[in-house]
């Protein structure tokens, strides 16, 4: 079970496939990356697929400080950086989709 520690939180993630392009899946509130298992299973034949669990959710660490949208956003950027991803397709559902809004405001990956 792969984990990375970013911003003081131990996050669970799964990587499948090894395509030239990366797809990152971000789940909704109180779910886990497992909600994208079927999509990643299909796309892994053409892409590197990354699913992860936000801090305090799924198999990631519950931190003493809790979390807010800003911490989840900075965790996401740190996870992407730690995995050496320089460009990606980002798919988010509900809360995970809000992360895309942050990138559209000037942060580029």
Protein backbone atom coordinates (compact mmCIF):
# COMPACT_ATOMS: atom_id res chain seq x y z
CA UNK A 1 0.00 0.00 0.00
CA UNK A 2 1.85 3.12 -1.18
CA UNK A 3 1.78 6.22 0.97
CA UNK A 4 3.52 9.57 0.71
CA UNK A 5 3.87 12.13 3.45
CA UNK A 6 3.11 15.64 2.21
CA UNK A 7 2.53 18.75 4.29
CA UNK A 8 2.64 16.65 7.46
CA UNK A 9 -0.06 14.20 6.33
CA UNK A 10 0.41 10.61 5.21
CA UNK A 11 -1.65 10.17 2.02
CA UNK A 12 -2.60 6.88 0.41
CA UNK A 13 -2.39 6.62 -3.35
CA UNK A 14 -2.42 4.01 -6.11
CA UNK A 15 -0.61 4.21 -9.44
CA UNK A 16 -1.59 2.01 -12.39
CA UNK A 17 -0.31 1.89 -15.95
CA UNK A 18 2.71 3.53 -17.45
CA UNK A 19 1.56 5.62 -20.38
CA UNK A 20 3.31 8.77 -21.48
CA UNK A 21 0.45 10.90 -20.07
CA UNK A 22 -0.87 10.90 -16.51
CA UNK A 23 -4.49 11.03 -15.34
CA UNK A 24 -5.16 11.96 -11.72
CA UNK A 25 -8.52 11.18 -10.13
CA UNK A 26 -9.75 13.21 -7.14
CA UNK A 27 -12.73 11.83 -5.21
CA UNK A 28 -15.65 13.58 -3.54
CA UNK A 29 -16.07 14.37 0.15
CA UNK A 30 -15.93 11.34 2.47
CA UNK A 31 -15.22 8.88 -0.36
CA UNK A 32 -11.87 7.48 -1.46
CA UNK A 33 -9.87 7.00 -4.63
CA UNK A 34 -11.54 3.60 -4.86
CA UNK A 35 -14.54 5.33 -6.43
CA UNK A 36 -12.47 5.60 -9.64
CA UNK A 37 -11.24 1.98 -9.68
CA UNK A 38 -13.16 1.05 -12.83
CA UNK A 39 -12.15 4.16 -14.76
CA UNK A 40 -8.48 3.74 -13.80
CA UNK A 41 -8.71 0.05 -14.68
CA UNK A 42 -9.77 0.87 -18.22
CA UNK A 43 -7.49 3.87 -18.78
CA UNK A 44 -4.37 2.23 -17.34
CA UNK A 45 -3.80 0.55 -20.71
CA UNK A 46 -3.03 3.96 -22.25
CA UNK A 47 -2.21 6.28 -19.32
CA UNK A 48 -0.46 6.39 -15.99
CA UNK A 49 -3.45 6.59 -13.62
CA UNK A 50 -3.20 7.97 -10.08
CA UNK A 51 -5.95 7.74 -7.49
CA UNK A 52 -5.48 9.04 -3.96
CA UNK A 53 -7.32 9.62 -0.70
CA UNK A 54 -7.52 13.10 0.79
CA UNK A 55 -6.18 13.54 4.31
CA UNK A 56 -8.73 12.32 6.84
CA UNK A 57 -10.49 10.16 4.26
CA UNK A 58 -10.15 6.64 2.88
CA UNK A 59 -6.80 5.10 3.83
CA UNK A 60 -5.03 8.43 4.40
CA UNK A 61 -4.07 9.71 7.80
CA UNK A 62 -6.55 11.58 9.99
CA UNK A 63 -4.55 14.61 11.07
CA UNK A 64 -4.94 16.40 14.39
CA UNK A 65 -5.46 19.69 12.59
CA UNK A 66 -8.24 18.37 10.39
CA UNK A 67 -8.49 19.80 6.89
CA UNK A 68 -10.01 22.54 4.82
CA UNK A 69 -10.08 23.19 1.08
CA UNK A 70 -6.78 25.08 1.18
CA UNK A 71 -4.94 22.21 2.88
CA UNK A 72 -6.44 19.68 0.47
CA UNK A 73 -5.39 21.87 -2.44
CA UNK A 74 -1.80 22.22 -1.20
CA UNK A 75 -1.71 18.48 -0.44
CA UNK A 76 -2.74 17.77 -4.03
CA UNK A 77 0.01 19.97 -5.45
CA UNK A 78 2.57 18.39 -3.10
CA UNK A 79 1.45 14.87 -4.05
CA UNK A 80 1.75 15.68 -7.75
CA UNK A 81 5.21 17.14 -7.18
CA UNK A 82 6.34 14.18 -5.03
CA UNK A 83 5.29 11.76 -7.77
CA UNK A 84 7.33 13.70 -10.33
CA UNK A 85 4.33 14.66 -12.44
CA UNK A 86 4.95 17.72 -14.61
CA UNK A 87 1.68 17.66 -16.59
CA UNK A 88 -1.56 15.75 -16.15
CA UNK A 89 -5.21 15.33 -16.94
CA UNK A 90 -7.10 15.97 -13.70
CA UNK A 91 -10.53 14.42 -13.12
CA UNK A 92 -12.43 15.40 -10.01
CA UNK A 93 -15.89 14.64 -8.71
CA UNK A 94 -17.68 17.02 -6.35
CA UNK A 95 -15.04 18.26 -3.86
CA UNK A 96 -12.33 16.79 -6.10
CA UNK A 97 -13.64 18.92 -8.94
CA UNK A 98 -13.15 22.06 -6.87
CA UNK A 99 -9.40 21.49 -7.05
CA UNK A 100 -9.59 22.07 -10.81
CA UNK A 101 -11.04 25.53 -10.11
CA UNK A 102 -7.89 26.42 -8.17
CA UNK A 103 -5.68 25.45 -11.08
CA UNK A 104 -7.77 27.52 -13.45
CA UNK A 105 -6.96 30.54 -11.31
CA UNK A 106 -3.31 30.48 -12.23
CA UNK A 107 -1.63 27.38 -10.84
CA UNK A 108 -0.37 25.22 -13.68
CA UNK A 109 0.74 21.61 -13.67
